[in-house]
């Protein structure tokens, strides 16, 4: 048994290079991945990088005060997060505050402006058939000509007309098709009364039923709707904001939209044929094969596929602009593509005057759906990085002072052993930095001030593990043992203490991460990460390195500057077993 035990110990202590090689390979691999990803520095949070902080307040609709509840607020937070992440904004923070407020922190970045525009948008999406449309600058609604044929707009210039622009955006099943702007331009001036008469949307359950009109026998489903359309001036922001207010999905309404030339267009739209919830997913795609450029592809749900096939089949039989459907987001027309045939199969593609940003914006809205509540923008605060930078500088100075004091203590008290402790701290710092840099692009981790505090606290946790092991070794030397057996005998007891201590620290970090929100989670995450790395460094670096150093004469001989001098430690001389006393005389005789 003694030989077996001796051989096992020798096997365990003769290969410390394996552990050192393993951690070296890990550091090299992680560093290579960091440089390959192009993210050589950790992402910074809003308090360090600057950005925009938006406070949104939930506004109840008439008779729906109970809709503002925890479930709907949590749903709104989830949708906002997906929208912002869909734009590629790094480390946006969305969280509730109180019962009806949501705080959105958007770090400074290329897409922060678009994120601000989309984050609080209610995004009530409807696909409505276009009944009539014209440029907002065109004045009153177009009137029918004496022959009953549609007339052009009053200026006689249709070059900038939205109908032409709309015709260049086509909804297809994904196959290539050329636009036909001329057909749209010739029919653009259709009279509102004739357009309303021609509308046969399957979802047309408008309360205003057609009735004979005195003008050419045309139907007049709702005189108020025509009057609102005639007076609608989409060039005024306050008018656009209230256009179509109060209209239900089952009713016709008026709306405003902007064409690709930046001109405002006004519309009369039929009842909603497809709801935004009928869209399963949408993506912005660069179509290089057909030369269509940026397009938006849509995939509908099972019920949505049927609705979309029905409405596109009916629109395809009509003339422009009644062969167009408007994608209406929160009362504003964001796109009005035309269709040539029924789109079946549950998939559709919108092509036309899109650039990458506009295609991604539309796809983002279609993908993530509508917020369950309406929100009002209460405040918008621009956060500069100057204040956070000053606090970071103060924190780093404090951390540097603390680290310097720890190193001075190690040098004074442990002398030669301090080399192992300082090297272990360096390895831990390198792993922490590289992993934080990689976590930015992978899981969106951003370094904020509380996270920096967590990293500083981790210095003490890591140093504590080294001290536990060193003291165990010194205790063995005080018992009269030489260094090499002391290193191995001290490890099992030190290992137990280190694991228990780190487990308690990690458990505290995990609980803190779960029960808190916002920036405090950054502190908890960093504390948990560095605690795990402490275990890795102690097991794969500190212990093997001390095993190797114990074979060096400087440490093995107990040099007075090694920190392991038996005399300085008050070591006892080796204990010898005394000979057992001889048996009594009567025992011998017996």
Protein backbone atom coordinates (compact mmCIF):
# COMPACT_ATOMS: atom_id res chain seq x y z
CA UNK A 1 0.00 0.00 0.00
CA UNK A 2 2.83 2.37 0.86
CA UNK A 3 4.46 1.79 -2.52
CA UNK A 4 1.16 2.28 -4.31
CA UNK A 5 0.47 5.52 -2.45
CA UNK A 6 3.95 6.80 -3.17
CA UNK A 7 3.60 6.04 -6.89
CA UNK A 8 0.24 7.78 -7.08
CA UNK A 9 1.64 10.93 -5.46
CA UNK A 10 4.59 10.92 -7.79
CA UNK A 11 2.32 10.62 -10.79
CA UNK A 12 0.21 13.51 -9.57
CA UNK A 13 3.15 15.83 -9.00
CA UNK A 14 5.39 14.95 -11.96
CA UNK A 15 3.28 16.52 -14.72
CA UNK A 16 2.54 20.15 -13.77
CA UNK A 17 3.54 21.16 -17.30
CA UNK A 18 0.31 19.66 -18.63
CA UNK A 19 -1.84 22.09 -16.66
CA UNK A 20 0.37 25.04 -17.57
CA UNK A 21 0.30 24.09 -21.25
CA UNK A 22 -3.50 23.77 -21.14
CA UNK A 23 -4.08 27.23 -19.71
CA UNK A 24 -1.49 28.70 -22.10
CA UNK A 25 -3.32 27.15 -25.08
CA UNK A 26 -6.62 28.55 -23.77
CA UNK A 27 -5.18 32.07 -23.48
CA UNK A 28 -3.66 31.92 -26.98
CA UNK A 29 -6.91 30.59 -28.50
CA UNK A 30 -9.07 33.22 -26.81
CA UNK A 31 -6.68 36.01 -27.77
CA UNK A 32 -6.63 34.79 -31.38
CA UNK A 33 -10.42 34.73 -31.42
CA UNK A 34 -10.52 38.26 -30.04
CA UNK A 35 -8.29 39.62 -32.82
CA UNK A 36 -10.07 37.54 -35.48
CA UNK A 37 -13.43 38.98 -34.46
CA UNK A 38 -12.10 42.52 -34.71
CA UNK A 39 -13.29 43.35 -31.18
CA UNK A 40 -10.07 43.96 -29.28
CA UNK A 41 -11.65 46.03 -26.52
CA UNK A 42 -14.71 45.35 -24.37
CA UNK A 43 -17.93 47.09 -25.34
CA UNK A 44 -18.74 50.04 -23.14
CA UNK A 45 -22.13 50.69 -21.57
CA UNK A 46 -24.07 53.91 -21.88
CA UNK A 47 -22.49 55.38 -18.74
CA UNK A 48 -19.03 55.04 -20.29
CA UNK A 49 -19.70 55.42 -24.02
CA UNK A 50 -22.53 57.96 -23.85
CA UNK A 51 -25.87 57.70 -25.61
CA UNK A 52 -29.56 58.44 -25.19
CA UNK A 53 -31.87 57.63 -22.29
CA UNK A 54 -35.60 57.63 -23.11
CA UNK A 55 -38.44 57.46 -20.60
CA UNK A 56 -41.71 56.12 -22.03
CA UNK A 57 -45.01 56.27 -20.16
CA UNK A 58 -47.88 53.89 -20.92
CA UNK A 59 -51.04 55.76 -21.92
CA UNK A 60 -54.37 53.93 -21.47
CA UNK A 61 -56.88 54.06 -24.28
CA UNK A 62 -60.46 55.00 -23.53
CA UNK A 63 -62.02 52.46 -21.19
CA UNK A 64 -58.89 50.25 -21.11
CA UNK A 65 -57.12 51.37 -17.93
CA UNK A 66 -56.78 47.73 -16.84
CA UNK A 67 -54.64 47.02 -19.93
CA UNK A 68 -51.66 48.61 -18.14
CA UNK A 69 -50.56 45.59 -16.16
CA UNK A 70 -47.35 43.69 -15.52
CA UNK A 71 -47.95 41.16 -18.30
CA UNK A 72 -48.43 43.82 -21.00
CA UNK A 73 -45.51 45.89 -19.67
CA UNK A 74 -43.19 42.86 -19.78
CA UNK A 75 -44.40 42.06 -23.30
CA UNK A 76 -43.69 45.63 -24.39
CA UNK A 77 -40.15 45.44 -22.93
CA UNK A 78 -39.51 42.18 -24.81
CA UNK A 79 -40.73 43.62 -28.15
CA UNK A 80 -38.69 46.80 -27.69
CA UNK A 81 -35.55 44.78 -26.97
CA UNK A 82 -36.06 42.68 -30.11
CA UNK A 83 -36.65 45.78 -32.24
CA UNK A 84 -33.49 47.49 -31.03
CA UNK A 85 -31.42 44.32 -31.37
CA UNK A 86 -32.85 43.84 -34.85
CA UNK A 87 -31.28 47.17 -35.78
CA UNK A 88 -27.88 46.00 -34.55
CA UNK A 89 -27.66 48.49 -31.69
CA UNK A 90 -25.12 47.31 -29.14
CA UNK A 91 -26.09 46.95 -25.47
CA UNK A 92 -29.41 48.74 -25.46
CA UNK A 93 -31.00 48.46 -22.04
CA UNK A 94 -34.79 48.23 -21.73
CA UNK A 95 -36.41 47.90 -18.32
CA UNK A 96 -39.58 48.84 -16.48
CA UNK A 97 -39.69 51.55 -13.86
CA UNK A 98 -42.71 51.53 -11.59
CA UNK A 99 -46.08 50.40 -12.89
CA UNK A 100 -46.28 52.26 -16.20
CA UNK A 101 -42.87 53.58 -17.20
CA UNK A 102 -40.20 52.00 -19.38
CA UNK A 103 -36.61 53.25 -19.46
CA UNK A 104 -34.68 52.69 -22.69
CA UNK A 105 -30.94 53.35 -22.68
CA UNK A 106 -29.44 53.37 -26.17
CA UNK A 107 -25.63 53.61 -26.30
CA UNK A 108 -24.09 55.93 -28.82
CA UNK A 109 -23.85 54.16 -32.17
CA UNK A 110 -24.62 54.25 -35.86
CA UNK A 111 -28.20 53.02 -35.43
CA UNK A 112 -29.17 54.81 -32.21
CA UNK A 113 -31.31 57.36 -34.10
CA UNK A 114 -33.36 54.66 -35.84
CA UNK A 115 -33.69 52.80 -32.55
CA UNK A 116 -35.13 55.87 -30.87
CA UNK A 117 -37.65 56.26 -33.70
CA UNK A 118 -38.81 52.65 -33.49
CA UNK A 119 -38.52 51.71 -29.86
CA UNK A 120 -41.71 53.37 -28.60
CA UNK A 121 -43.75 53.02 -31.78
CA UNK A 122 -46.94 51.18 -30.96
CA UNK A 123 -46.66 49.43 -34.33
CA UNK A 124 -50.30 48.59 -34.89
CA UNK A 125 -49.92 47.12 -38.35
CA UNK A 126 -52.64 46.75 -40.94
CA UNK A 127 -52.67 45.89 -44.63
CA UNK A 128 -55.40 48.10 -46.11
CA UNK A 129 -56.47 48.36 -49.79
CA UNK A 130 -55.81 51.78 -51.32
CA UNK A 131 -58.99 53.48 -52.53
CA UNK A 132 -57.60 56.87 -53.55
CA UNK A 133 -54.34 58.74 -53.20
CA UNK A 134 -52.65 61.94 -54.30
CA UNK A 135 -49.82 64.24 -53.34
CA UNK A 136 -50.57 66.26 -50.23
CA UNK A 137 -49.52 69.39 -52.13
CA UNK A 138 -52.23 68.66 -54.73
CA UNK A 139 -54.95 70.33 -52.66
CA UNK A 140 -58.49 69.00 -52.74
CA UNK A 141 -59.48 65.56 -53.86
CA UNK A 142 -59.43 65.02 -57.64
CA UNK A 143 -62.78 65.34 -59.41
CA UNK A 144 -64.04 63.21 -62.30
CA UNK A 145 -63.82 64.63 -65.78
CA UNK A 146 -66.88 65.38 -67.95
CA UNK A 147 -66.40 62.17 -69.89
CA UNK A 148 -66.25 60.11 -66.79
CA UNK A 149 -62.59 59.27 -67.40
CA UNK A 150 -60.13 59.94 -64.56
CA UNK A 151 -58.34 63.25 -64.77
CA UNK A 152 -54.77 64.11 -63.82
CA UNK A 153 -53.93 66.08 -60.74
CA UNK A 154 -54.63 69.85 -60.89
CA UNK A 155 -51.09 70.79 -61.74
CA UNK A 156 -51.01 68.36 -64.63
CA UNK A 157 -47.65 67.05 -63.40
CA UNK A 158 -47.53 63.50 -62.16
CA UNK A 159 -43.78 63.08 -62.16
CA UNK A 160 -43.55 63.17 -58.40
CA UNK A 161 -46.86 61.47 -57.74
CA UNK A 162 -46.96 58.84 -55.04
CA UNK A 163 -49.03 56.61 -57.27
CA UNK A 164 -46.14 56.39 -59.66
CA UNK A 165 -43.80 55.86 -56.76
CA UNK A 166 -46.11 53.27 -55.32
CA UNK A 167 -46.21 51.43 -58.60
CA UNK A 168 -42.49 51.01 -58.47
CA UNK A 169 -42.89 49.04 -55.25
CA UNK A 170 -44.39 45.70 -56.12
CA UNK A 171 -45.60 42.87 -53.92
CA UNK A 172 -44.81 39.53 -55.55
CA UNK A 173 -44.44 35.91 -54.57
CA UNK A 174 -40.68 36.31 -54.87
CA UNK A 175 -40.34 35.91 -58.63
CA UNK A 176 -38.99 38.82 -60.65
CA UNK A 177 -41.43 41.22 -62.29
CA UNK A 178 -40.99 44.60 -63.86
CA UNK A 179 -42.86 47.67 -62.63
CA UNK A 180 -45.39 49.49 -64.77
CA UNK A 181 -45.40 53.10 -63.60
CA UNK A 182 -47.18 54.39 -66.68
CA UNK A 183 -50.35 52.45 -65.92
CA UNK A 184 -50.39 53.96 -62.44
CA UNK A 185 -49.80 57.48 -63.71
CA UNK A 186 -52.66 57.37 -66.20
CA UNK A 187 -55.16 56.25 -63.59
CA UNK A 188 -53.84 58.30 -60.67
CA UNK A 189 -56.51 60.95 -60.97
CA UNK A 190 -59.44 58.62 -60.33
CA UNK A 191 -62.23 60.47 -58.56
CA UNK A 192 -62.73 59.66 -54.91
CA UNK A 193 -66.39 58.84 -55.42
CA UNK A 194 -65.66 56.36 -58.23
CA UNK A 195 -62.83 54.84 -56.20
CA UNK A 196 -65.04 54.23 -53.22
CA UNK A 197 -67.67 52.68 -55.46
CA UNK A 198 -65.11 50.32 -56.97
CA UNK A 199 -63.82 49.10 -53.62
CA UNK A 200 -64.88 45.48 -53.05
CA UNK A 201 -62.49 44.48 -50.30
CA UNK A 202 -63.59 41.22 -48.65
CA UNK A 203 -62.96 42.83 -45.27
CA UNK A 204 -65.05 45.88 -46.12
CA UNK A 205 -67.36 45.97 -43.17
CA UNK A 206 -67.36 49.73 -42.98
CA UNK A 207 -70.39 51.07 -41.21
CA UNK A 208 -70.87 53.61 -44.02
CA UNK A 209 -72.67 51.63 -46.72
CA UNK A 210 -72.72 52.90 -50.31
CA UNK A 211 -75.60 55.09 -51.37
CA UNK A 212 -76.33 56.69 -54.72
CA UNK A 213 -74.52 59.95 -55.29
CA UNK A 214 -75.69 62.89 -57.27
CA UNK A 215 -72.39 62.98 -59.09
CA UNK A 216 -72.50 60.64 -62.07
CA UNK A 217 -74.43 57.99 -60.07
CA UNK A 218 -71.31 57.17 -58.05
CA UNK A 219 -71.54 55.75 -54.56
CA UNK A 220 -70.96 58.00 -51.53
CA UNK A 221 -70.22 55.63 -48.63
CA UNK A 222 -69.25 58.33 -46.20
CA UNK A 223 -69.41 62.03 -46.92
CA UNK A 224 -67.41 62.76 -43.78
CA UNK A 225 -64.59 60.56 -45.05
CA UNK A 226 -64.44 62.45 -48.34
CA UNK A 227 -64.56 65.74 -46.50
CA UNK A 228 -61.74 64.65 -44.21
CA UNK A 229 -59.71 63.54 -47.23
CA UNK A 230 -60.28 66.88 -49.00
CA UNK A 231 -59.14 68.84 -45.94
CA UNK A 232 -56.25 66.55 -45.04
CA UNK A 233 -52.94 68.43 -45.27
CA UNK A 234 -50.20 65.87 -44.71
CA UNK A 235 -47.49 68.52 -44.91
CA UNK A 236 -48.38 69.58 -41.34
CA UNK A 237 -47.02 67.39 -38.57
CA UNK A 238 -49.92 67.93 -36.18
CA UNK A 239 -52.39 66.96 -38.92
CA UNK A 240 -50.44 63.80 -39.78
CA UNK A 241 -50.35 62.81 -36.11
CA UNK A 242 -54.16 62.83 -35.85
CA UNK A 243 -55.08 61.56 -39.33
CA UNK A 244 -57.45 58.64 -39.04
CA UNK A 245 -57.71 58.83 -35.24
CA UNK A 246 -60.54 56.73 -33.88
CA UNK A 247 -60.93 54.62 -37.01
CA UNK A 248 -61.37 50.93 -36.33
CA UNK A 249 -59.73 48.16 -38.33
CA UNK A 250 -63.11 47.37 -39.87
CA UNK A 251 -63.64 50.94 -41.10
CA UNK A 252 -62.28 52.94 -44.00
CA UNK A 253 -60.00 55.78 -42.99
CA UNK A 254 -57.65 58.51 -44.20
CA UNK A 255 -53.89 58.39 -43.74
CA UNK A 256 -50.63 60.06 -44.68
CA UNK A 257 -47.42 58.62 -46.03
CA UNK A 258 -44.12 59.75 -47.51
CA UNK A 259 -42.84 58.66 -50.91
CA UNK A 260 -39.24 58.00 -51.88
CA UNK A 261 -38.83 61.61 -53.05
CA UNK A 262 -39.66 62.83 -49.55
CA UNK A 263 -43.07 64.17 -50.59
CA UNK A 264 -46.12 63.63 -48.41
CA UNK A 265 -49.02 61.69 -49.87
CA UNK A 266 -52.57 61.41 -48.60
CA UNK A 267 -54.80 58.35 -48.89
CA UNK A 268 -58.27 56.97 -48.51
CA UNK A 269 -57.87 53.39 -47.32
CA UNK A 270 -60.38 50.59 -47.08
CA UNK A 271 -60.98 48.32 -44.08
CA UNK A 272 -57.99 46.26 -42.93
CA UNK A 273 -57.74 43.03 -44.89
CA UNK A 274 -54.70 41.61 -43.06
CA UNK A 275 -53.51 42.34 -39.52
CA UNK A 276 -49.88 42.77 -38.51
CA UNK A 277 -50.19 39.73 -36.26
CA UNK A 278 -50.76 37.65 -39.40
CA UNK A 279 -47.09 38.21 -40.39
CA UNK A 280 -44.94 35.41 -39.03
CA UNK A 281 -41.56 36.89 -39.96
CA UNK A 282 -39.98 39.42 -42.32
CA UNK A 283 -36.44 40.01 -43.54
CA UNK A 284 -34.54 42.58 -45.55
CA UNK A 285 -32.81 40.80 -48.44
CA UNK A 286 -30.44 42.05 -51.12
CA UNK A 287 -31.76 40.47 -54.33
CA UNK A 288 -28.84 40.39 -56.75
CA UNK A 289 -30.21 37.73 -59.10
CA UNK A 290 -33.17 39.72 -60.43
CA UNK A 291 -31.56 43.13 -59.96
CA UNK A 292 -34.39 44.23 -57.68
CA UNK A 293 -31.96 45.55 -55.07
CA UNK A 294 -33.09 45.57 -51.47
CA UNK A 295 -36.41 43.82 -50.92
CA UNK A 296 -38.53 42.86 -47.92
CA UNK A 297 -39.64 39.23 -47.75
CA UNK A 298 -42.66 38.25 -45.65
CA UNK A 299 -43.88 34.93 -44.38
CA UNK A 300 -47.48 34.79 -43.16
CA UNK A 301 -49.18 32.57 -40.64
CA UNK A 302 -51.68 29.97 -41.83
CA UNK A 303 -54.67 32.28 -41.36
CA UNK A 304 -52.70 35.25 -42.67
CA UNK A 305 -51.79 33.37 -45.85
CA UNK A 306 -55.44 32.89 -46.71
CA UNK A 307 -56.32 36.52 -45.98
CA UNK A 308 -53.39 37.80 -48.03
CA UNK A 309 -54.20 35.53 -50.97
CA UNK A 310 -57.82 36.74 -50.96
CA UNK A 311 -57.03 40.46 -50.89
CA UNK A 312 -54.21 40.32 -53.44
CA UNK A 313 -56.38 38.25 -55.76
CA UNK A 314 -59.03 40.99 -55.74
CA UNK A 315 -56.59 43.89 -55.96
CA UNK A 316 -54.85 42.34 -58.99
CA UNK A 317 -58.04 42.73 -61.00
CA UNK A 318 -58.25 46.47 -60.46
CA UNK A 319 -56.57 49.52 -61.94
CA UNK A 320 -54.09 51.70 -60.13
CA UNK A 321 -54.22 52.89 -57.43
CA UNK A 322 -56.86 50.35 -56.43
CA UNK A 323 -54.41 47.54 -57.18
CA UNK A 324 -52.21 48.76 -54.31
CA UNK A 325 -52.39 47.86 -50.66
CA UNK A 326 -51.01 50.15 -47.97
CA UNK A 327 -48.92 48.86 -45.08
CA UNK A 328 -50.16 51.14 -42.30
CA UNK A 329 -48.07 51.46 -39.16
CA UNK A 330 -49.66 53.42 -36.31
CA UNK A 331 -51.86 55.29 -38.78
CA UNK A 332 -49.05 56.17 -41.22
CA UNK A 333 -48.49 54.53 -44.58
CA UNK A 334 -44.96 53.16 -44.66
CA UNK A 335 -45.27 51.34 -48.01
CA UNK A 336 -47.92 51.01 -50.73
CA UNK A 337 -46.87 48.28 -53.20
CA UNK A 338 -49.07 47.19 -56.07
CA UNK A 339 -49.93 43.60 -57.03
CA UNK A 340 -50.45 41.92 -60.40
CA UNK A 341 -51.65 38.51 -59.29
CA UNK A 342 -52.95 36.68 -56.25
CA UNK A 343 -50.07 35.87 -53.92
CA UNK A 344 -50.61 32.39 -52.49
CA UNK A 345 -48.35 30.07 -50.56
CA UNK A 346 -47.91 32.28 -47.52
CA UNK A 347 -44.84 34.14 -48.83
CA UNK A 348 -44.52 37.55 -50.42
CA UNK A 349 -41.77 39.94 -51.42
CA UNK A 350 -41.98 43.73 -51.56
CA UNK A 351 -39.54 45.23 -54.02
CA UNK A 352 -39.03 48.77 -55.22
CA UNK A 353 -37.50 51.97 -53.94
CA UNK A 354 -35.72 50.51 -50.92
CA UNK A 355 -32.25 51.10 -49.66
CA UNK A 356 -30.69 48.90 -47.00
CA UNK A 357 -31.85 51.03 -44.08
CA UNK A 358 -35.46 51.48 -45.23
CA UNK A 359 -35.77 47.76 -46.02
CA UNK A 360 -34.41 46.79 -42.62
CA UNK A 361 -36.67 49.28 -40.84
CA UNK A 362 -39.79 47.90 -42.54
CA UNK A 363 -38.75 44.27 -41.97
CA UNK A 364 -38.02 45.06 -38.32
CA UNK A 365 -41.49 46.50 -37.79
CA UNK A 366 -43.19 43.60 -39.60
CA UNK A 367 -41.21 40.97 -37.68
CA UNK A 368 -41.64 42.03 -34.10
CA UNK A 369 -45.26 43.08 -34.16
CA UNK A 370 -47.28 45.58 -32.22
CA UNK A 371 -46.79 46.77 -28.68
CA UNK A 372 -49.73 45.84 -26.45
CA UNK A 373 -49.90 49.40 -25.11
CA UNK A 374 -49.60 52.94 -26.39
CA UNK A 375 -46.60 54.88 -25.05
CA UNK A 376 -45.87 58.55 -24.66
CA UNK A 377 -42.30 59.83 -24.76
CA UNK A 378 -41.95 61.58 -21.40
CA UNK A 379 -38.29 62.59 -21.53
CA UNK A 380 -35.21 62.15 -23.66
CA UNK A 381 -31.80 62.69 -22.07
CA UNK A 382 -28.50 62.70 -23.89
CA UNK A 383 -25.84 61.07 -21.75
CA UNK A 384 -22.27 62.18 -22.40
CA UNK A 385 -19.34 59.90 -21.79
CA UNK A 386 -17.50 62.66 -19.90
CA UNK A 387 -19.12 61.99 -16.52
CA UNK A 388 -18.79 58.24 -16.84
CA UNK A 389 -15.21 58.66 -18.01
CA UNK A 390 -14.36 60.66 -14.91
CA UNK A 391 -15.96 58.07 -12.67
CA UNK A 392 -14.19 55.29 -14.55
CA UNK A 393 -10.88 57.07 -14.15
CA UNK A 394 -11.50 57.46 -10.42
CA UNK A 395 -12.48 53.78 -10.16
CA UNK A 396 -9.41 52.63 -12.07
CA UNK A 397 -7.17 54.77 -9.86
CA UNK A 398 -8.78 53.25 -6.77
CA UNK A 399 -8.34 49.78 -8.26
CA UNK A 400 -4.71 50.48 -9.10
CA UNK A 401 -4.05 51.71 -5.56
CA UNK A 402 -5.70 48.60 -4.12
CA UNK A 403 -3.71 46.33 -6.43
CA UNK A 404 -0.47 48.10 -5.56
CA UNK A 405 -1.15 47.66 -1.83
CA UNK A 406 -1.89 43.96 -2.36
CA UNK A 407 1.37 43.50 -4.28
CA UNK A 408 3.37 45.39 -1.63
CA UNK A 409 1.87 43.21 1.07
CA UNK A 410 2.71 40.06 -0.90
CA UNK A 411 6.27 41.21 -1.46
CA UNK A 412 6.77 42.10 2.19
CA UNK A 413 5.13 39.02 3.70
CA UNK A 414 5.68 36.26 1.12
CA UNK A 415 8.84 37.51 -0.60
CA UNK A 416 9.73 34.92 -3.26
CA UNK A 417 6.26 33.39 -3.19
CA UNK A 418 4.87 36.77 -4.24
CA UNK A 419 6.25 36.07 -7.75
CA UNK A 420 3.78 33.19 -8.09
CA UNK A 421 0.91 35.31 -6.75
CA UNK A 422 1.63 38.27 -9.06
CA UNK A 423 1.98 35.95 -12.09
CA UNK A 424 -1.37 34.35 -11.20
CA UNK A 425 -3.02 37.77 -10.92
CA UNK A 426 -1.62 38.64 -14.36
CA UNK A 427 -3.04 35.47 -15.91
CA UNK A 428 -6.42 36.10 -14.28
CA UNK A 429 -6.48 39.70 -15.56
CA UNK A 430 -5.58 38.59 -19.11
CA UNK A 431 -8.34 35.96 -19.18
CA UNK A 432 -10.88 38.42 -17.79
CA UNK A 433 -10.04 41.07 -20.40
CA UNK A 434 -10.10 38.71 -23.38
CA UNK A 435 -13.35 37.03 -22.33
CA UNK A 436 -15.06 40.41 -21.76
CA UNK A 437 -13.96 41.56 -25.22
CA UNK A 438 -15.41 38.39 -26.77
CA UNK A 439 -18.67 38.51 -24.80
CA UNK A 440 -19.50 41.91 -26.33
CA UNK A 441 -20.27 40.70 -29.87
CA UNK A 442 -21.49 37.25 -28.76
CA UNK A 443 -24.03 37.99 -26.00
CA UNK A 444 -24.08 41.80 -26.01
CA UNK A 445 -22.18 42.21 -22.73
CA UNK A 446 -21.09 45.79 -22.14
CA UNK A 447 -18.68 47.05 -19.52
CA UNK A 448 -20.28 49.66 -17.29
CA UNK A 449 -19.20 51.25 -14.02
CA UNK A 450 -20.72 48.59 -11.74
CA UNK A 451 -19.04 45.90 -13.85
CA UNK A 452 -15.70 47.64 -13.33
CA UNK A 453 -16.40 47.62 -9.58
CA UNK A 454 -17.04 43.89 -9.77
CA UNK A 455 -13.67 43.37 -11.47
CA UNK A 456 -11.91 45.40 -8.76
CA UNK A 457 -13.58 43.40 -5.97
CA UNK A 458 -12.41 40.23 -7.73
CA UNK A 459 -8.77 41.21 -7.07
CA UNK A 460 -9.31 40.55 -3.38
CA UNK A 461 -11.10 37.24 -4.05
CA UNK A 462 -8.27 36.01 -6.26
CA UNK A 463 -5.54 37.12 -3.85
CA UNK A 464 -7.39 35.39 -1.00
CA UNK A 465 -7.15 32.04 -2.80
CA UNK A 466 -3.38 32.36 -3.15
CA UNK A 467 -2.99 33.28 0.51
CA UNK A 468 -5.04 30.24 1.64
CA UNK A 469 -2.76 27.90 -0.30
CA UNK A 470 0.48 29.59 0.72
CA UNK A 471 -0.47 29.48 4.41
CA UNK A 472 -1.30 25.79 4.17
CA UNK A 473 2.15 25.13 2.70
CA UNK A 474 3.84 27.19 5.41
CA UNK A 475 1.89 25.28 8.10
CA UNK A 476 3.29 22.01 6.73
CA UNK A 477 6.82 23.44 6.84
CA UNK A 478 6.27 24.51 10.44
CA UNK A 479 5.48 20.86 11.21
CA UNK A 480 9.00 19.99 10.11
CA UNK A 481 8.36 18.76 6.57
CA UNK A 482 10.43 19.70 3.54
CA UNK A 483 8.98 21.87 0.79
CA UNK A 484 8.02 19.34 -1.90
CA UNK A 485 5.90 17.10 0.35
CA UNK A 486 4.48 20.23 2.00
CA UNK A 487 3.22 21.54 -1.36
CA UNK A 488 1.40 18.29 -2.07
CA UNK A 489 0.04 17.71 1.45
CA UNK A 490 -1.22 21.28 1.73
CA UNK A 491 -3.11 21.21 -1.59
CA UNK A 492 -6.12 18.98 -0.66
CA UNK A 493 -7.01 21.09 2.39
CA UNK A 494 -6.38 24.39 0.58
CA UNK A 495 -8.37 23.20 -2.42
CA UNK A 496 -11.38 22.46 -0.24
CA UNK A 497 -11.26 25.89 1.39
CA UNK A 498 -10.84 27.69 -1.96
CA UNK A 499 -13.77 25.85 -3.56
CA UNK A 500 -16.09 26.56 -0.64
CA UNK A 501 -15.10 30.24 -0.58
CA UNK A 502 -15.52 30.69 -4.34
CA UNK A 503 -18.81 28.81 -4.32
CA UNK A 504 -20.22 31.21 -1.75
CA UNK A 505 -19.03 34.20 -3.82
CA UNK A 506 -20.47 32.76 -7.03
CA UNK A 507 -23.79 31.95 -5.34
CA UNK A 508 -24.05 35.54 -4.08
CA UNK A 509 -23.29 36.86 -7.59
CA UNK A 510 -25.88 34.52 -9.16
CA UNK A 511 -28.62 35.56 -6.72
CA UNK A 512 -27.77 39.23 -7.24
CA UNK A 513 -27.93 38.78 -11.02
CA UNK A 514 -31.35 37.10 -10.86
CA UNK A 515 -33.10 39.45 -8.44
CA UNK A 516 -31.79 42.76 -9.81
CA UNK A 517 -32.10 44.61 -13.12
CA UNK A 518 -30.07 47.10 -15.09
CA UNK A 519 -26.56 48.09 -14.18
CA UNK A 520 -26.42 46.06 -10.95
CA UNK A 521 -26.55 42.95 -13.11
CA UNK A 522 -23.27 44.10 -14.67
CA UNK A 523 -21.64 44.01 -11.23
CA UNK A 524 -23.08 40.57 -10.49
CA UNK A 525 -22.06 39.17 -13.89
CA UNK A 526 -18.47 40.38 -13.60
CA UNK A 527 -18.18 39.12 -10.02
CA UNK A 528 -19.45 35.68 -11.04
CA UNK A 529 -17.17 35.54 -14.09
CA UNK A 530 -14.03 36.46 -12.15
CA UNK A 531 -14.92 33.98 -9.39
CA UNK A 532 -15.06 31.14 -11.93
CA UNK A 533 -11.79 32.31 -13.46
CA UNK A 534 -10.21 32.31 -9.99
CA UNK A 535 -10.87 28.58 -9.69
CA UNK A 536 -9.44 27.98 -13.17
CA UNK A 537 -6.28 29.98 -12.47
CA UNK A 538 -5.61 28.40 -9.05
CA UNK A 539 -6.06 24.85 -10.34
CA UNK A 540 -4.33 25.19 -13.73
CA UNK A 541 -1.67 27.80 -13.00
CA UNK A 542 -0.94 28.58 -9.34
CA UNK A 543 -0.73 24.99 -8.08
CA UNK A 544 1.36 23.65 -11.02
CA UNK A 545 3.68 26.67 -10.88
CA UNK A 546 4.30 26.24 -7.15
CA UNK A 547 4.99 22.55 -7.76
CA UNK A 548 7.68 23.49 -10.29
CA UNK A 549 9.14 26.21 -8.06
CA UNK A 550 9.41 23.71 -5.17
CA UNK A 551 11.98 21.83 -7.26
CA UNK A 552 14.20 24.89 -7.51
CA UNK A 553 17.04 25.18 -5.06
CA UNK A 554 16.10 28.75 -4.13
CA UNK A 555 12.74 27.60 -2.72
CA UNK A 556 13.61 23.98 -1.79
CA UNK A 557 16.56 25.01 0.40
CA UNK A 558 14.38 27.50 2.28
CA UNK A 559 16.30 30.64 1.26
CA UNK A 560 15.53 33.54 3.59
CA UNK A 561 14.07 35.54 0.66
CA UNK A 562 11.98 32.65 -0.61
CA UNK A 563 9.24 33.21 1.96
CA UNK A 564 9.62 29.57 2.99
CA UNK A 565 12.57 29.79 5.43
CA UNK A 566 11.94 27.15 8.13
CA UNK A 567 13.69 29.23 10.83
CA UNK A 568 11.70 32.35 10.01
CA UNK A 569 8.52 30.27 10.09
CA UNK A 570 9.41 28.71 13.48
CA UNK A 571 9.61 25.18 12.12
CA UNK A 572 9.79 22.29 14.61
CA UNK A 573 12.55 19.71 14.32
CA UNK A 574 11.44 16.41 12.80
CA UNK A 575 9.55 14.38 15.35
CA UNK A 576 10.96 10.92 16.02
CA UNK A 577 8.90 8.08 17.38
CA UNK A 578 10.18 6.95 20.86
CA UNK A 579 10.92 3.29 21.49
CA UNK A 580 8.12 1.54 23.37
CA UNK A 581 9.08 0.63 26.96
CA UNK A 582 10.21 -2.96 27.62
CA UNK A 583 7.76 -5.42 29.02
CA UNK A 584 7.73 -6.07 32.79
CA UNK A 585 9.97 -8.86 34.17
CA UNK A 586 7.07 -11.07 35.08
CA UNK A 587 5.85 -10.90 31.49
CA UNK A 588 9.24 -12.05 30.25
CA UNK A 589 9.28 -14.94 32.68
CA UNK A 590 5.84 -15.91 31.63
